[in-house]
Amino acid sequence: MHDTSDRRGPGGGMDRGLDRGPGGVLGGGTGGGTGGSLSDLVAAEWTKLRSVRSTWTLLALGGALTVLVSLLFCALIGPEFRHADPAQQRALDPVGLAFTGLQFGQVPLVVLAVLAVGNEYGTGMIRTSLAAVPRRGRFLAAKLTVLGATGLAWGLLTGAVALTAGSAVLGAPAPLHAEAVRALAGAGVYAALLAVLAAALTFLVRRSLAALGILLPLLFVVSGALAAVPRLRSLARLLPDRAGLRLMQTHQDAGDLSPLAGGAVLLLWAVLAAAGSYAALRRQEC
């Protein structure tokens, strides 16, 4: 009997048999030694993500937290909103209030993105992944694409429920106007970029706990602490969560970023993190 599980090619490298099989480890061996096409890799990364039970648990938890906290805030502000005149109602930002819970519901999404990358390092699967896909940029692009798309879908679905239910509890008009639609699209973009940022940072630090140790304080402690200090408030507005949340707000106070500017700041954070993770991944000896 011949053992074919660890065949060596010329130069002692692993045989590209790692790519083969139905879909292979990372999408089949159709790429001529490059690990398959990007679409194959995206499909394989999606299969890996959806086959883990914790994926759906974390997404459901994040959705429930977002909707419940939003409903709570809308119920508390509801009496004041219903007795306010139109100008005061606009200043209260009924659309933004309906998305308040996203500040809490984003945590399970961040955890999901971190674990999707961190578990590759923790289990040693990163070696198999990179052996099957020597072009590390393609592997990184597939991973970030899947997590970003998952965040986008989750943000749109959760945002739609939170916006509809929150508006009803608040006593605001049905969210069918242009500002509400723009804010809903912003919720999807925010969740997508946040997932990409979290995953890219995990590629940089290579440990789930280290990534969460950076992201969770940044989202819950640092930005809030800076915003509470008048002299540092302008700096807080440039942090990823503060800037990104502007995508879902319609009222703008003096000094606030516009929704477009806030989205651009969050996009810059995600792009820089992705570029850094690509540079780090190329140097990593896994």
Protein backbone atom coordinates (compact mmCIF):
# COMPACT_ATOMS: atom_id res chain seq x y z
CA MET A 1 0.00 0.00 0.00
CA HIS A 2 1.34 3.36 -1.00
CA ASP A 3 0.90 6.37 1.24
CA THR A 4 -0.20 9.35 -0.87
CA SER A 5 -1.25 11.65 1.95
CA ASP A 6 2.05 13.58 2.06
CA ARG A 7 3.54 13.44 -1.37
CA ARG A 8 6.51 15.67 -2.06
CA GLY A 9 7.11 17.38 -5.34
CA PRO A 10 10.33 18.66 -6.79
CA GLY A 11 12.25 20.67 -4.26
CA GLY A 12 10.58 18.92 -1.33
CA GLY A 13 7.39 21.03 -1.49
CA MET A 14 3.96 19.68 -0.77
CA ASP A 15 2.17 18.22 -3.79
CA ARG A 16 -0.68 20.37 -5.07
CA GLY A 17 -3.02 17.52 -4.23
CA LEU A 18 -4.05 19.73 -1.34
CA ASP A 19 -6.12 21.66 -3.88
CA ARG A 20 -8.07 18.68 -5.17
CA GLY A 21 -11.28 16.96 -4.31
CA PRO A 22 -14.85 18.24 -4.71
CA GLY A 23 -14.14 21.91 -4.21
CA GLY A 24 -10.80 21.01 -2.67
CA VAL A 25 -9.58 22.50 0.56
CA LEU A 26 -10.07 25.99 -0.79
CA GLY A 27 -12.10 25.70 -3.93
CA GLY A 28 -10.46 23.09 -6.09
CA GLY A 29 -7.33 22.84 -8.13
CA THR A 30 -8.43 24.70 -11.23
CA GLY A 31 -6.00 27.54 -10.79
CA GLY A 32 -2.90 25.82 -12.08
CA GLY A 33 -1.10 25.79 -8.73
CA THR A 34 -2.49 29.13 -7.55
CA GLY A 35 -5.26 27.60 -5.43
CA GLY A 36 -8.17 28.14 -7.82
CA SER A 37 -9.99 31.23 -9.01
CA LEU A 38 -11.10 33.94 -6.59
CA SER A 39 -14.72 32.86 -6.99
CA ASP A 40 -13.74 29.29 -6.03
CA LEU A 41 -11.95 30.56 -2.95
CA VAL A 42 -14.87 32.78 -1.96
CA ALA A 43 -17.23 29.82 -2.28
CA ALA A 44 -14.92 27.67 -0.14
CA GLU A 45 -14.54 30.38 2.51
CA TRP A 46 -18.31 30.77 2.65
CA THR A 47 -18.68 27.01 3.08
CA LYS A 48 -16.20 27.11 5.96
CA LEU A 49 -18.00 30.02 7.63
CA ARG A 50 -21.55 28.75 7.32
CA SER A 51 -20.69 25.22 8.42
CA VAL A 52 -19.73 26.44 11.90
CA ARG A 53 -22.68 26.61 14.29
CA SER A 54 -21.26 29.59 16.18
CA THR A 55 -21.56 31.70 13.01
CA TRP A 56 -25.34 31.59 13.13
CA THR A 57 -25.42 31.89 16.91
CA LEU A 58 -23.34 35.07 16.86
CA LEU A 59 -25.31 36.60 13.98
CA ALA A 60 -28.60 35.87 15.73
CA LEU A 61 -27.29 37.25 19.02
CA GLY A 62 -26.09 40.41 17.32
CA GLY A 63 -29.43 40.87 15.59
CA ALA A 64 -31.39 40.35 18.80
CA LEU A 65 -29.21 42.79 20.74
CA THR A 66 -29.53 45.42 18.03
CA VAL A 67 -33.31 45.22 17.84
CA LEU A 68 -33.97 44.95 21.59
CA VAL A 69 -31.68 47.83 22.59
CA SER A 70 -33.10 49.98 19.78
CA LEU A 71 -36.65 49.26 20.95
CA LEU A 72 -35.68 50.13 24.51
CA PHE A 73 -34.23 53.50 23.51
CA CYS A 74 -37.21 54.28 21.28
CA ALA A 75 -39.64 53.40 24.07
CA LEU A 76 -37.80 55.71 26.47
CA ILE A 77 -37.68 58.62 24.00
CA GLY A 78 -41.13 57.94 22.56
CA PRO A 79 -43.19 60.21 24.89
CA GLU A 80 -40.84 63.15 24.36
CA PHE A 81 -40.80 62.57 20.61
CA ARG A 82 -44.59 62.40 20.25
CA HIS A 83 -45.09 65.68 22.13
CA ALA A 84 -42.35 67.57 20.25
CA ASP A 85 -42.93 69.90 17.33
CA PRO A 86 -41.58 68.89 13.88
CA ALA A 87 -38.29 70.78 14.30
CA GLN A 88 -37.64 69.15 17.67
CA GLN A 89 -38.57 65.74 16.28
CA ARG A 90 -36.02 66.14 13.52
CA ALA A 91 -33.37 67.16 16.06
CA LEU A 92 -34.09 63.95 18.01
CA ASP A 93 -33.19 62.01 14.82
CA PRO A 94 -35.85 59.27 14.82
CA VAL A 95 -33.98 57.29 12.16
CA GLY A 96 -30.73 57.39 14.13
CA LEU A 97 -32.54 56.39 17.33
CA ALA A 98 -33.83 53.24 15.64
CA PHE A 99 -30.24 52.19 14.97
CA THR A 100 -28.97 52.87 18.52
CA GLY A 101 -28.82 49.17 19.32
CA LEU A 102 -26.25 48.57 16.60
CA GLN A 103 -23.58 49.91 18.95
CA PHE A 104 -24.20 46.81 21.09
CA GLY A 105 -25.21 44.35 18.38
CA GLN A 106 -21.96 44.94 16.54
CA VAL A 107 -20.00 43.07 19.22
CA PRO A 108 -21.05 39.54 18.17
CA LEU A 109 -20.32 40.49 14.56
CA VAL A 110 -16.82 41.62 15.51
CA VAL A 111 -16.31 38.40 17.49
CA LEU A 112 -17.43 36.37 14.46
CA ALA A 113 -14.97 38.10 12.14
CA VAL A 114 -12.13 37.73 14.64
CA LEU A 115 -12.80 34.03 15.23
CA ALA A 116 -13.08 33.31 11.51
CA VAL A 117 -9.44 34.33 11.17
CA GLY A 118 -8.09 33.59 14.64
CA ASN A 119 -9.26 29.98 14.58
CA GLU A 120 -7.22 29.42 11.41
CA TYR A 121 -4.09 30.23 13.42
CA GLY A 122 -5.26 28.55 16.62
CA THR A 123 -5.96 25.21 14.93
CA GLY A 124 -3.03 25.37 12.52
CA MET A 125 -5.37 25.32 9.50
CA ILE A 126 -3.64 28.44 8.22
CA ARG A 127 -0.75 26.22 7.07
CA THR A 128 -3.09 24.09 4.96
CA SER A 129 -4.87 27.15 3.61
CA LEU A 130 -1.67 28.87 2.55
CA ALA A 131 -0.23 25.65 1.10
CA ALA A 132 -3.34 25.28 -1.06
CA VAL A 133 -3.34 28.97 -2.02
CA PRO A 134 0.26 30.14 -2.44
CA ARG A 135 -0.95 33.56 -3.60
CA ARG A 136 -1.64 34.97 -0.16
CA GLY A 137 -3.31 38.09 -1.45
CA ARG A 138 -5.96 35.95 -3.11
CA PHE A 139 -6.57 34.01 0.10
CA LEU A 140 -6.86 37.25 2.07
CA ALA A 141 -9.22 38.77 -0.51
CA ALA A 142 -11.51 35.72 -0.37
CA LYS A 143 -11.64 35.73 3.43
CA LEU A 144 -12.34 39.46 3.66
CA THR A 145 -14.90 39.31 0.85
CA VAL A 146 -16.92 36.60 2.59
CA LEU A 147 -16.83 38.33 5.97
CA GLY A 148 -17.64 41.70 4.43
CA ALA A 149 -20.58 40.25 2.48
CA THR A 150 -21.82 38.51 5.61
CA GLY A 151 -21.64 41.77 7.52
CA LEU A 152 -23.46 43.59 4.72
CA ALA A 153 -26.34 41.10 4.64
CA TRP A 154 -26.56 41.02 8.44
CA GLY A 155 -26.53 44.83 8.66
CA LEU A 156 -29.27 45.24 6.05
CA LEU A 157 -31.54 42.58 7.56
CA THR A 158 -31.02 43.61 11.18
CA GLY A 159 -31.21 47.28 10.28
CA ALA A 160 -34.52 46.81 8.46
CA VAL A 161 -36.09 45.13 11.48
CA ALA A 162 -34.69 47.67 13.94
CA LEU A 163 -35.73 50.63 11.79
CA THR A 164 -39.27 49.38 11.19
CA ALA A 165 -39.93 48.30 14.77
CA GLY A 166 -38.16 51.28 16.33
CA SER A 167 -40.09 53.78 14.23
CA ALA A 168 -43.38 52.16 15.25
CA VAL A 169 -42.51 52.26 18.97
CA LEU A 170 -41.23 55.81 18.69
CA GLY A 171 -44.35 57.00 16.90
CA ALA A 172 -42.40 58.26 13.90
CA PRO A 173 -43.68 58.06 10.31
CA ALA A 174 -43.12 54.83 8.40
CA PRO A 175 -39.42 54.71 7.36
CA LEU A 176 -40.04 54.83 3.62
CA HIS A 177 -38.47 58.20 2.91
CA ALA A 178 -35.08 58.76 1.29
CA GLU A 179 -33.18 59.48 4.52
CA ALA A 180 -34.38 56.21 6.06
CA VAL A 181 -33.40 54.21 2.98
CA ARG A 182 -29.97 55.87 2.97
CA ALA A 183 -29.49 55.10 6.66
CA LEU A 184 -30.51 51.47 6.12
CA ALA A 185 -27.95 51.14 3.34
CA GLY A 186 -25.47 52.76 5.72
CA ALA A 187 -26.16 50.06 8.31
CA GLY A 188 -25.17 47.41 5.80
CA VAL A 189 -22.03 49.26 4.75
CA TYR A 190 -21.06 49.89 8.39
CA ALA A 191 -21.41 46.22 9.35
CA ALA A 192 -19.49 45.11 6.24
CA LEU A 193 -16.55 47.44 6.82
CA LEU A 194 -16.46 46.68 10.53
CA ALA A 195 -16.24 42.94 9.80
CA VAL A 196 -13.41 43.56 7.31
CA LEU A 197 -11.57 45.75 9.81
CA ALA A 198 -11.87 43.14 12.57
CA ALA A 199 -10.72 40.29 10.32
CA ALA A 200 -7.80 42.27 8.90
CA LEU A 201 -6.61 43.23 12.37
CA THR A 202 -6.69 39.57 13.38
CA PHE A 203 -4.45 38.69 10.45
CA LEU A 204 -2.01 41.28 11.81
CA VAL A 205 -1.91 40.02 15.41
CA ARG A 206 -2.63 36.32 14.63
CA ARG A 207 -4.46 35.77 17.91
CA SER A 208 -8.20 36.05 18.60
CA LEU A 209 -7.75 37.27 22.17
CA ALA A 210 -5.23 39.89 21.11
CA ALA A 211 -7.54 41.19 18.38
CA LEU A 212 -10.53 41.33 20.72
CA GLY A 213 -8.34 42.98 23.34
CA ILE A 214 -7.77 45.81 20.89
CA LEU A 215 -11.17 46.06 19.23
CA LEU A 216 -13.57 45.84 22.17
CA PRO A 217 -11.91 48.58 24.26
CA LEU A 218 -11.64 50.71 21.12
CA LEU A 219 -15.36 50.35 20.40
CA PHE A 220 -16.65 50.67 23.96
CA VAL A 221 -14.10 52.55 26.02
CA VAL A 222 -11.70 54.65 23.99
CA SER A 223 -14.16 56.36 21.65
CA GLY A 224 -16.61 57.11 24.47
CA ALA A 225 -13.88 58.44 26.74
CA LEU A 226 -12.47 60.71 24.04
CA ALA A 227 -15.94 61.96 23.12
CA ALA A 228 -16.54 62.93 26.75
CA VAL A 229 -13.57 65.32 26.72
CA PRO A 230 -14.42 68.48 24.73
CA ARG A 231 -10.86 69.02 23.52
CA LEU A 232 -10.63 65.44 22.25
CA ARG A 233 -14.09 65.20 20.72
CA SER A 234 -12.81 65.98 17.25
CA LEU A 235 -10.37 63.07 17.54
CA ALA A 236 -13.12 60.72 18.72
CA ARG A 237 -15.10 61.52 15.57
CA LEU A 238 -12.31 59.97 13.50
CA LEU A 239 -12.38 56.60 15.26
CA PRO A 240 -13.93 53.80 13.19
CA ASP A 241 -17.09 53.28 15.23
CA ARG A 242 -17.91 56.97 15.76
CA ALA A 243 -17.26 57.80 12.13
CA GLY A 244 -19.12 54.77 10.79
CA LEU A 245 -22.22 55.33 12.91
CA ARG A 246 -22.73 58.63 11.10
CA LEU A 247 -23.88 56.53 8.15
CA MET A 248 -27.12 55.81 10.05
CA GLN A 249 -27.78 59.26 11.47
CA THR A 250 -29.75 62.01 9.75
CA HIS A 251 -29.33 64.90 12.19
CA GLN A 252 -25.96 66.67 12.12
CA ASP A 253 -24.70 68.85 14.98
CA ALA A 254 -21.96 71.43 14.56
CA GLY A 255 -18.63 69.68 14.09
CA ASP A 256 -20.15 66.31 13.19
CA LEU A 257 -18.93 64.48 10.13
CA SER A 258 -21.44 64.15 7.33
CA PRO A 259 -22.67 60.58 6.67
CA LEU A 260 -20.52 60.44 3.54
CA ALA A 261 -17.43 61.69 5.37
CA GLY A 262 -18.04 59.26 8.23
CA GLY A 263 -18.31 56.36 5.82
CA ALA A 264 -15.13 57.47 4.08
CA VAL A 265 -13.25 57.52 7.40
CA LEU A 266 -14.41 54.00 8.25
CA LEU A 267 -13.49 52.84 4.74
CA LEU A 268 -10.01 54.29 5.20
CA TRP A 269 -9.60 52.36 8.47
CA ALA A 270 -10.66 49.12 6.75
CA VAL A 271 -8.39 49.69 3.73
CA LEU A 272 -5.38 50.47 5.91
CA ALA A 273 -6.02 47.38 8.05
CA ALA A 274 -6.40 45.20 4.94
CA ALA A 275 -3.19 46.59 3.44
CA GLY A 276 -1.34 46.00 6.70
CA SER A 277 -2.67 42.46 6.97
CA TYR A 278 -1.56 41.72 3.40
CA ALA A 279 1.95 42.96 4.14
CA ALA A 280 2.06 40.94 7.37
CA LEU A 281 0.64 37.81 5.73
CA ARG A 282 3.33 37.88 3.05
CA ARG A 283 6.02 37.86 5.73
CA GLN A 284 4.45 35.34 8.07
CA GLU A 285 6.01 31.91 8.32
CA CYS A 286 3.08 29.76 9.31
